[in-house]
C-alpha atoms as a PDB file:
ATOM      1  CA  MET A   1       0.000   0.000   0.000  1.00  0.00           C
ATOM      2  CA  SER A   2       1.369   3.419  -0.936  1.00  0.00           C
ATOM      3  CA  GLY A   3       2.109   6.026   1.694  1.00  0.00           C
ATOM      4  CA  PHE A   4      -0.537   8.445   0.459  1.00  0.00           C
ATOM      5  CA  ALA A   5      -3.148   5.695   0.439  1.00  0.00           C
ATOM      6  CA  ARG A   6      -2.335   5.095   4.114  1.00  0.00           C
ATOM      7  CA  GLY A   7      -2.937   8.780   4.796  1.00  0.00           C
ATOM      8  CA  GLY A   8      -6.541   8.232   3.765  1.00  0.00           C
ATOM      9  CA  PHE A   9      -9.378  10.665   4.281  1.00  0.00           C
ATOM     10  CA  SER A  10      -7.474  12.868   6.759  1.00  0.00           C
ATOM     11  CA  LEU A  11      -4.678  13.495   4.300  1.00  0.00           C
ATOM     12  CA  TRP A  12      -6.879  14.394   1.362  1.00  0.00           C
ATOM     13  CA  LEU A  13      -9.342  16.528   3.328  1.00  0.00           C
ATOM     14  CA  GLY A  14      -6.480  18.311   5.075  1.00  0.00           C
ATOM     15  CA  ALA A  15      -4.660  18.841   1.786  1.00  0.00           C
ATOM     16  CA  THR A  16      -7.844  20.235   0.217  1.00  0.00           C
ATOM     17  CA  LEU A  17      -8.426  22.733   3.043  1.00  0.00           C
ATOM     18  CA  ALA A  18      -4.749  23.734   3.117  1.00  0.00           C
ATOM     19  CA  ALA A  19      -4.717  24.185  -0.673  1.00  0.00           C
ATOM     20  CA  ALA A  20      -7.853  26.333  -0.454  1.00  0.00           C
ATOM     21  CA  LEU A  21      -6.141  28.526   2.154  1.00  0.00           C
ATOM     22  CA  LEU A  22      -3.088  28.924  -0.079  1.00  0.00           C
ATOM     23  CA  MET A  23      -5.187  29.742  -3.148  1.00  0.00           C
ATOM     24  CA  ILE A  24      -7.207  32.351  -1.262  1.00  0.00           C
ATOM     25  CA  ALA A  25      -4.010  33.932   0.047  1.00  0.00           C
ATOM     26  CA  ALA A  26      -2.525  33.969  -3.467  1.00  0.00           C
ATOM     27  CA  LEU A  27      -5.747  35.453  -4.860  1.00  0.00           C
ATOM     28  CA  SER A  28      -5.525  38.365  -2.404  1.00  0.00           C
ATOM     29  CA  PHE A  29      -2.354  39.603  -4.118  1.00  0.00           C
ATOM     30  CA  VAL A  30      -4.190  40.246  -7.382  1.00  0.00           C
ATOM     31  CA  TRP A  31      -7.883  40.634  -6.517  1.00  0.00           C
ATOM     32  CA  THR A  32     -10.385  41.322  -3.760  1.00  0.00           C
ATOM     33  CA  PRO A  33     -14.005  42.401  -4.306  1.00  0.00           C
ATOM     34  CA  TYR A  34     -13.226  45.782  -2.693  1.00  0.00           C
ATOM     35  CA  PRO A  35     -10.115  47.354  -1.152  1.00  0.00           C
ATOM     36  CA  PRO A  36      -9.995  45.600   2.248  1.00  0.00           C
ATOM     37  CA  ALA A  37      -9.398  48.838   4.188  1.00  0.00           C
ATOM     38  CA  ALA A  38     -11.940  50.967   2.277  1.00  0.00           C
ATOM     39  CA  ILE A  39     -14.386  52.573   4.738  1.00  0.00           C
ATOM     40  CA  ASP A  40     -17.999  53.177   3.657  1.00  0.00           C
ATOM     41  CA  ILE A  41     -19.908  54.478   6.695  1.00  0.00           C
ATOM     42  CA  PRO A  42     -23.277  54.912   4.895  1.00  0.00           C
ATOM     43  CA  HIS A  43     -23.298  51.156   4.212  1.00  0.00           C
ATOM     44  CA  LYS A  44     -22.008  49.931   7.582  1.00  0.00           C
ATOM     45  CA  LEU A  45     -23.363  46.627   8.952  1.00  0.00           C
ATOM     46  CA  ALA A  46     -24.979  45.839   5.606  1.00  0.00           C
ATOM     47  CA  GLN A  47     -26.451  42.350   5.301  1.00  0.00           C
ATOM     48  CA  PRO A  48     -24.919  39.823   2.868  1.00  0.00           C
ATOM     49  CA  SER A  49     -25.921  40.573  -0.710  1.00  0.00           C
ATOM     50  CA  LEU A  50     -24.684  40.295  -4.266  1.00  0.00           C
ATOM     51  CA  ALA A  51     -22.776  43.544  -3.757  1.00  0.00           C
ATOM     52  CA  HIS A  52     -21.221  42.414  -0.460  1.00  0.00           C
ATOM     53  CA  TRP A  53     -21.150  38.626  -0.225  1.00  0.00           C
ATOM     54  CA  PHE A  54     -20.669  38.524   3.556  1.00  0.00           C
ATOM     55  CA  GLY A  55     -21.968  42.011   4.292  1.00  0.00           C
ATOM     56  CA  THR A  56     -19.981  44.895   5.752  1.00  0.00           C
ATOM     57  CA  ASP A  57     -18.582  45.608   9.210  1.00  0.00           C
ATOM     58  CA  SER A  58     -19.159  48.511  11.601  1.00  0.00           C
ATOM     59  CA  LEU A  59     -17.048  50.808   9.399  1.00  0.00           C
ATOM     60  CA  GLY A  60     -18.596  49.702   6.127  1.00  0.00           C
ATOM     61  CA  ARG A  61     -15.594  47.597   5.073  1.00  0.00           C
ATOM     62  CA  ASP A  62     -16.346  44.598   2.874  1.00  0.00           C
ATOM     63  CA  VAL A  63     -16.075  41.466   5.025  1.00  0.00           C
ATOM     64  CA  ALA A  64     -15.293  39.122   2.109  1.00  0.00           C
ATOM     65  CA  SER A  65     -12.359  41.322   1.054  1.00  0.00           C
ATOM     66  CA  GLN A  66     -11.004  41.364   4.603  1.00  0.00           C
ATOM     67  CA  LEU A  67     -11.288  37.573   4.868  1.00  0.00           C
ATOM     68  CA  ILE A  68      -9.434  37.074   1.594  1.00  0.00           C
ATOM     69  CA  ALA A  69      -6.675  39.533   2.510  1.00  0.00           C
ATOM     70  CA  GLY A  70      -6.491  38.158   6.058  1.00  0.00           C
ATOM     71  CA  ALA A  71      -5.527  34.754   4.679  1.00  0.00           C
ATOM     72  CA  ARG A  72      -2.363  36.353   3.283  1.00  0.00           C
ATOM     73  CA  VAL A  73      -1.296  37.544   6.750  1.00  0.00           C
ATOM     74  CA  SER A  74      -1.958  34.113   8.270  1.00  0.00           C
ATOM     75  CA  ILE A  75       0.092  32.363   5.577  1.00  0.00           C
ATOM     76  CA  LEU A  76       2.931  34.873   5.901  1.00  0.00           C
ATOM     77  CA  VAL A  77       3.133  34.478   9.673  1.00  0.00           C
ATOM     78  CA  GLY A  78       2.859  30.682   9.486  1.00  0.00           C
ATOM     79  CA  VAL A  79       5.496  30.190   6.787  1.00  0.00           C
ATOM     80  CA  VAL A  80       8.098  32.559   8.230  1.00  0.00           C
ATOM     81  CA  ALA A  81       7.547  31.556  11.872  1.00  0.00           C
ATOM     82  CA  VAL A  82       7.786  27.856  11.052  1.00  0.00           C
ATOM     83  CA  GLY A  83      10.815  28.581   8.848  1.00  0.00           C
ATOM     84  CA  ILE A  84      12.546  30.275  11.781  1.00  0.00           C
ATOM     85  CA  GLY A  85      11.738  27.291  13.980  1.00  0.00           C
ATOM     86  CA  LEU A  86      13.061  24.820  11.414  1.00  0.00           C
ATOM     87  CA  VAL A  87      16.303  26.647  10.632  1.00  0.00           C
ATOM     88  CA  PHE A  88      17.374  27.248  14.206  1.00  0.00           C
ATOM     89  CA  GLY A  89      15.664  24.221  15.733  1.00  0.00           C
ATOM     90  CA  VAL A  90      17.164  21.694  13.324  1.00  0.00           C
ATOM     91  CA  ALA A  91      20.618  23.254  13.699  1.00  0.00           C
ATOM     92  CA  LEU A  92      20.479  23.163  17.500  1.00  0.00           C
ATOM     93  CA  GLY A  93      19.017  19.659  17.530  1.00  0.00           C
ATOM     94  CA  LEU A  94      21.747  18.294  15.279  1.00  0.00           C
ATOM     95  CA  VAL A  95      24.465  19.944  17.343  1.00  0.00           C
ATOM     96  CA  ALA A  96      22.973  18.409  20.480  1.00  0.00           C
ATOM     97  CA  ALA A  97      22.788  14.962  18.838  1.00  0.00           C
ATOM     98  CA  PHE A  98      26.398  15.016  17.616  1.00  0.00           C
ATOM     99  CA  ARG A  99      28.026  16.825  20.554  1.00  0.00           C
ATOM    100  CA  LYS A 100      27.279  14.921  23.737  1.00  0.00           C
ATOM    101  CA  GLY A 101      28.035  16.143  27.212  1.00  0.00           C
ATOM    102  CA  VAL A 102      28.065  19.808  28.151  1.00  0.00           C
ATOM    103  CA  VAL A 103      26.969  21.078  24.728  1.00  0.00           C
ATOM    104  CA  GLU A 104      23.954  18.778  24.542  1.00  0.00           C
ATOM    105  CA  ASP A 105      22.953  19.465  28.151  1.00  0.00           C
ATOM    106  CA  SER A 106      23.231  23.225  27.667  1.00  0.00           C
ATOM    107  CA  ILE A 107      21.059  23.215  24.544  1.00  0.00           C
ATOM    108  CA  MET A 108      18.410  20.999  26.101  1.00  0.00           C
ATOM    109  CA  LYS A 109      18.313  23.024  29.321  1.00  0.00           C
ATOM    110  CA  ALA A 110      17.877  26.196  27.271  1.00  0.00           C
ATOM    111  CA  CYS A 111      14.971  24.537  25.448  1.00  0.00           C
ATOM    112  CA  ASP A 112      13.457  23.460  28.773  1.00  0.00           C
ATOM    113  CA  PHE A 113      13.752  27.043  30.018  1.00  0.00           C
ATOM    114  CA  VAL A 114      11.792  28.314  27.001  1.00  0.00           C
ATOM    115  CA  PHE A 115       9.217  25.549  27.522  1.00  0.00           C
ATOM    116  CA  ALA A 116       8.658  26.838  31.072  1.00  0.00           C
ATOM    117  CA  PHE A 117       6.772  29.780  29.557  1.00  0.00           C
ATOM    118  CA  PRO A 118       3.638  29.105  27.463  1.00  0.00           C
ATOM    119  CA  ALA A 119       4.271  29.982  23.815  1.00  0.00           C
ATOM    120  CA  LEU A 120       1.429  32.485  23.578  1.00  0.00           C
ATOM    121  CA  LEU A 121       2.433  34.155  26.835  1.00  0.00           C
ATOM    122  CA  SER A 122       6.018  34.488  25.573  1.00  0.00           C
ATOM    123  CA  ALA A 123       4.742  35.979  22.313  1.00  0.00           C
ATOM    124  CA  ILE A 124       2.598  38.475  24.216  1.00  0.00           C
ATOM    125  CA  MET A 125       5.590  39.431  26.361  1.00  0.00           C
ATOM    126  CA  LEU A 126       7.873  39.956  23.352  1.00  0.00           C
ATOM    127  CA  THR A 127       5.373  41.946  21.301  1.00  0.00           C
ATOM    128  CA  SER A 128       4.475  44.049  24.341  1.00  0.00           C
ATOM    129  CA  THR A 129       8.174  44.786  24.921  1.00  0.00           C
ATOM    130  CA  PHE A 130       9.278  45.490  21.340  1.00  0.00           C
ATOM    131  CA  GLY A 131       5.999  46.825  20.014  1.00  0.00           C
ATOM    132  CA  PRO A 132       3.010  45.391  18.135  1.00  0.00           C
ATOM    133  CA  GLY A 133       3.166  44.421  14.481  1.00  0.00           C
ATOM    134  CA  VAL A 134       3.416  41.477  12.142  1.00  0.00           C
ATOM    135  CA  VAL A 135       7.236  41.352  12.171  1.00  0.00           C
ATOM    136  CA  ASN A 136       7.475  41.154  15.946  1.00  0.00           C
ATOM    137  CA  ALA A 137       4.650  38.621  16.025  1.00  0.00           C
ATOM    138  CA  ILE A 138       6.520  36.437  13.522  1.00  0.00           C
ATOM    139  CA  VAL A 139       9.735  36.617  15.560  1.00  0.00           C
ATOM    140  CA  ALA A 140       7.889  35.810  18.794  1.00  0.00           C
ATOM    141  CA  ILE A 141       6.029  32.832  17.314  1.00  0.00           C
ATOM    142  CA  GLY A 142       9.146  31.607  15.505  1.00  0.00           C
ATOM    143  CA  ALA A 143      11.179  31.755  18.729  1.00  0.00           C
ATOM    144  CA  ALA A 144       8.557  29.601  20.448  1.00  0.00           C
ATOM    145  CA  ASN A 145       8.893  27.011  17.648  1.00  0.00           C
ATOM    146  CA  VAL A 146      12.667  26.629  18.017  1.00  0.00           C
ATOM    147  CA  PRO A 147      12.788  24.434  21.161  1.00  0.00           C
ATOM    148  CA  ILE A 148       9.999  22.173  19.852  1.00  0.00           C
ATOM    149  CA  ILE A 149      11.853  21.490  16.610  1.00  0.00           C
ATOM    150  CA  ALA A 150      15.197  21.226  18.420  1.00  0.00           C
ATOM    151  CA  LYS A 151      13.961  18.537  20.804  1.00  0.00           C
ATOM    152  CA  LEU A 152      12.313  16.584  17.983  1.00  0.00           C
ATOM    153  CA  THR A 153      15.469  16.817  15.842  1.00  0.00           C
ATOM    154  CA  ARG A 154      17.709  15.632  18.676  1.00  0.00           C
ATOM    155  CA  ALA A 155      15.465  12.680  19.550  1.00  0.00           C
ATOM    156  CA  THR A 156      15.038  11.464  15.970  1.00  0.00           C
ATOM    157  CA  ALA A 157      18.691  12.123  15.091  1.00  0.00           C
ATOM    158  CA  ASN A 158      19.852  10.053  18.081  1.00  0.00           C
ATOM    159  CA  SER A 159      17.783   7.115  16.871  1.00  0.00           C
ATOM    160  CA  VAL A 160      19.340   7.402  13.397  1.00  0.00           C
ATOM    161  CA  LEU A 161      22.872   7.726  14.770  1.00  0.00           C
ATOM    162  CA  ALA A 162      22.405   4.483  16.695  1.00  0.00           C
ATOM    163  CA  ARG A 163      21.760   2.500  13.502  1.00  0.00           C
ATOM    164  CA  GLU A 164      24.368   0.355  11.791  1.00  0.00           C
ATOM    165  CA  TYR A 165      24.817   2.470   8.659  1.00  0.00           C
ATOM    166  CA  ALA A 166      25.448   5.609  10.735  1.00  0.00           C
ATOM    167  CA  LEU A 167      27.913   3.749  12.949  1.00  0.00           C
ATOM    168  CA  ALA A 168      29.636   2.403   9.831  1.00  0.00           C
ATOM    169  CA  ALA A 169      29.895   5.916   8.399  1.00  0.00           C
ATOM    170  CA  ARG A 170      31.520   7.119  11.608  1.00  0.00           C
ATOM    171  CA  ALA A 171      33.913   4.169  11.615  1.00  0.00           C
ATOM    172  CA  ALA A 172      34.878   5.042   8.027  1.00  0.00           C
ATOM    173  CA  GLY A 173      35.971   8.470   9.233  1.00  0.00           C
ATOM    174  CA  ARG A 174      33.156  10.556   7.806  1.00  0.00           C
ATOM    175  CA  GLY A 175      32.589  13.868   9.562  1.00  0.00           C
ATOM    176  CA  PRO A 176      29.440  15.059  11.338  1.00  0.00           C
ATOM    177  CA  LEU A 177      28.360  17.312   8.464  1.00  0.00           C
ATOM    178  CA  ALA A 178      28.571  14.500   5.911  1.00  0.00           C
ATOM    179  CA  ILE A 179      26.737  12.051   8.171  1.00  0.00           C
ATOM    180  CA  ALA A 180      24.044  14.646   8.938  1.00  0.00           C
ATOM    181  CA  ALA A 181      23.519  15.435   5.241  1.00  0.00           C
ATOM    182  CA  ASP A 182      23.632  11.859   3.918  1.00  0.00           C
ATOM    183  CA  HIS A 183      22.028   9.855   6.713  1.00  0.00           C
ATOM    184  CA  VAL A 184      20.396  11.910   9.463  1.00  0.00           C
ATOM    185  CA  LEU A 185      18.437  14.605   7.628  1.00  0.00           C
ATOM    186  CA  PRO A 186      16.880  12.299   4.984  1.00  0.00           C
ATOM    187  CA  ASN A 187      15.643   9.964   7.730  1.00  0.00           C
ATOM    188  CA  ILE A 188      14.277  12.604  10.075  1.00  0.00           C
ATOM    189  CA  LEU A 189      12.686  14.702   7.308  1.00  0.00           C
ATOM    190  CA  PRO A 190       9.248  12.996   7.514  1.00  0.00           C
ATOM    191  CA  ALA A 191       8.993  13.752  11.240  1.00  0.00           C
ATOM    192  CA  LEU A 192      10.043  17.352  10.619  1.00  0.00           C
ATOM    193  CA  ILE A 193       7.454  17.792   7.859  1.00  0.00           C
ATOM    194  CA  VAL A 194       4.658  16.518  10.097  1.00  0.00           C
ATOM    195  CA  GLN A 195       5.756  18.723  13.012  1.00  0.00           C
ATOM    196  CA  ALA A 196       6.109  21.755  10.744  1.00  0.00           C
ATOM    197  CA  THR A 197       2.531  21.268   9.541  1.00  0.00           C
ATOM    198  CA  ILE A 198       1.266  21.161  13.117  1.00  0.00           C
ATOM    199  CA  GLN A 199       3.322  24.220  14.089  1.00  0.00           C
ATOM    200  CA  PHE A 200       1.903  26.034  11.061  1.00  0.00           C
ATOM    201  CA  ALA A 201      -1.598  25.579  12.487  1.00  0.00           C
ATOM    202  CA  ILE A 202      -0.433  26.735  15.909  1.00  0.00           C
ATOM    203  CA  ALA A 203       1.204  29.804  14.331  1.00  0.00           C
ATOM    204  CA  ILE A 204      -2.092  30.785  12.683  1.00  0.00           C
ATOM    205  CA  LEU A 205      -3.852  30.504  16.051  1.00  0.00           C
ATOM    206  CA  ALA A 206      -1.111  32.491  17.788  1.00  0.00           C
ATOM    207  CA  GLU A 207      -1.212  35.258  15.169  1.00  0.00           C
ATOM    208  CA  ALA A 208      -4.988  35.477  15.486  1.00  0.00           C
ATOM    209  CA  ALA A 209      -4.704  35.701  19.272  1.00  0.00           C
ATOM    210  CA  LEU A 210      -2.035  38.414  19.115  1.00  0.00           C
ATOM    211  CA  SER A 211      -4.029  40.422  16.574  1.00  0.00           C
ATOM    212  CA  TYR A 212      -7.150  40.027  18.710  1.00  0.00           C
ATOM    213  CA  LEU A 213      -5.221  41.562  21.610  1.00  0.00           C
ATOM    214  CA  GLY A 214      -3.913  44.369  19.388  1.00  0.00           C
ATOM    215  CA  LEU A 215      -0.339  43.027  19.352  1.00  0.00           C
ATOM    216  CA  GLY A 216      -0.286  41.490  15.870  1.00  0.00           C
ATOM    217  CA  ALA A 217      -1.313  43.003  12.544  1.00  0.00           C
ATOM    218  CA  GLN A 218      -2.077  46.704  12.886  1.00  0.00           C
ATOM    219  CA  PRO A 219      -4.725  48.749  11.051  1.00  0.00           C
ATOM    220  CA  PRO A 220      -5.281  49.059   8.175  1.00  0.00           C
ATOM    221  CA  GLN A 221      -3.704  45.629   7.561  1.00  0.00           C
ATOM    222  CA  PRO A 222      -6.487  43.022   7.610  1.00  0.00           C
ATOM    223  CA  SER A 223      -6.250  40.107  10.011  1.00  0.00           C
ATOM    224  CA  TRP A 224      -8.695  37.436  11.090  1.00  0.00           C
ATOM    225  CA  GLY A 225      -7.827  38.018  14.741  1.00  0.00           C
ATOM    226  CA  ARG A 226      -8.441  41.756  14.482  1.00  0.00           C
ATOM    227  CA  MET A 227     -11.719  41.082  12.685  1.00  0.00           C
ATOM    228  CA  LEU A 228     -12.776  39.054  15.741  1.00  0.00           C
ATOM    229  CA  SER A 229     -11.707  41.901  18.014  1.00  0.00           C
ATOM    230  CA  ASP A 230     -13.709  44.450  16.012  1.00  0.00           C
ATOM    231  CA  ALA A 231     -16.718  42.131  15.894  1.00  0.00           C
ATOM    232  CA  GLN A 232     -17.070  41.944  19.670  1.00  0.00           C
ATOM    233  CA  ASN A 233     -18.286  45.554  19.733  1.00  0.00           C
ATOM    234  CA  VAL A 234     -21.326  44.664  17.608  1.00  0.00           C
ATOM    235  CA  LEU A 235     -21.714  41.044  18.677  1.00  0.00           C
ATOM    236  CA  TYR A 236     -25.411  41.330  19.520  1.00  0.00           C
ATOM    237  CA  ASN A 237     -26.318  43.359  16.439  1.00  0.00           C
ATOM    238  CA  ALA A 238     -24.220  41.425  13.890  1.00  0.00           C
ATOM    239  CA  PRO A 239     -22.926  38.096  15.274  1.00  0.00           C
ATOM    240  CA  ARG A 240     -22.038  37.028  11.732  1.00  0.00           C
ATOM    241  CA  LEU A 241     -19.029  39.364  11.866  1.00  0.00           C
ATOM    242  CA  ALA A 242     -17.492  37.058  14.484  1.00  0.00           C
ATOM    243  CA  ILE A 243     -18.640  33.848  12.801  1.00  0.00           C
ATOM    244  CA  TYR A 244     -16.872  34.486   9.489  1.00  0.00           C
ATOM    245  CA  PRO A 245     -13.290  35.021  10.762  1.00  0.00           C
ATOM    246  CA  GLY A 246     -13.814  32.386  13.458  1.00  0.00           C
ATOM    247  CA  ALA A 247     -14.828  29.859  10.807  1.00  0.00           C
ATOM    248  CA  ALA A 248     -11.849  30.838   8.636  1.00  0.00           C
ATOM    249  CA  ILE A 249      -9.436  30.252  11.535  1.00  0.00           C
ATOM    250  CA  ALA A 250     -11.130  26.991  12.525  1.00  0.00           C
ATOM    251  CA  LEU A 251     -11.138  25.565   8.981  1.00  0.00           C
ATOM    252  CA  SER A 252      -7.510  26.544   8.395  1.00  0.00           C
ATOM    253  CA  VAL A 253      -6.327  24.981  11.648  1.00  0.00           C
ATOM    254  CA  LEU A 254      -8.480  21.897  11.068  1.00  0.00           C
ATOM    255  CA  GLY A 255      -7.098  21.467   7.561  1.00  0.00           C
ATOM    256  CA  LEU A 256      -3.478  21.758   8.677  1.00  0.00           C
ATOM    257  CA  ASN A 257      -4.001  19.383  11.609  1.00  0.00           C
ATOM    258  CA  LEU A 258      -5.679  16.823   9.362  1.00  0.00           C
ATOM    259  CA  LEU A 259      -2.871  17.243   6.846  1.00  0.00           C
ATOM    260  CA  GLY A 260      -0.330  16.643   9.589  1.00  0.00           C
ATOM    261  CA  ASP A 261      -2.139  13.512  10.781  1.00  0.00           C
ATOM    262  CA  GLY A 262      -2.419  12.215   7.227  1.00  0.00           C
ATOM    263  CA  LEU A 263       1.236  12.878   6.485  1.00  0.00           C
ATOM    264  CA  ARG A 264       2.241  11.131   9.704  1.00  0.00           C
ATOM    265  CA  ASP A 265       0.324   8.022   8.632  1.00  0.00           C
ATOM    266  CA  ALA A 266       1.688   8.235   5.091  1.00  0.00           C
ATOM    267  CA  LEU A 267       5.319   8.841   6.013  1.00  0.00           C
ATOM    268  CA  ASP A 268       5.629   6.705   9.161  1.00  0.00           C
ATOM    269  CA  PRO A 269       8.300   4.107   8.325  1.00  0.00           C
ATOM    270  CA  ARG A 270       6.766   1.634  10.763  1.00  0.00           C
ATOM    271  CA  LEU A 271       3.512   1.701   8.819  1.00  0.00           C
ATOM    272  CA  ARG A 272       5.461   1.463   5.572  1.00  0.00           C
ATOM    273  CA  ALA A 273       7.189  -1.676   6.851  1.00  0.00           C
ATOM    274  CA  ARG A 274       3.846  -3.337   7.605  1.00  0.00           C
ATOM    275  CA  SER A 275       2.420  -2.596   4.163  1.00  0.00           C
END
């Protein structure tokens, strides 16, 4: 049985939702029904219609345009924050796996120290200290990803380094960089891909939370989290304004989590061995 067949319904549904998120984000670069930040007070809180598919908010901004443009911010934060986590986390994890003793203990204790603070709380602290905005939100979320990826990299790399082919490579005099490139990274890549997908979903949630608190994307930049924050002021008059961004966040996170679960089933070597 092929790996993708093992992924089953979760993989394909997750891939479909994730692809839809990417396409909507890409679409926002070239088209939205209206300028997302355009204010039209005479038509504020308009009901959904052919002119405004999801209606307008309390300032008359087109909700559909804000949702489409908000996807771009979520993708940007997710990709860059996860990229930061992968670059630094994989590097630290490999160093810890190859350099035992004081180096490994120091790296792992530093990761444990970061784990002592909840990721969202750390992000709030950093953005409050250095100022709100997408860039600071990305750095804060990316920094929270580093210890997660580092611990995963170290654990999976240690299991690879204990295998016969890695021991043979060491006995043949190959250096750590060559062994990491030829043996360790190709074998731990599936685990990293699955974890990156999960962290992507968490990054979207974290960005939405920071924007909701006013620490993420700043006006006039559209953001699903800020849409939720704005909607709470008219929750009783127009609850739909909270439902739309909430559904967008929920579907995006659901799709990425399902994709991660499906990829785990598809790429798990233990399942591949049983097939």
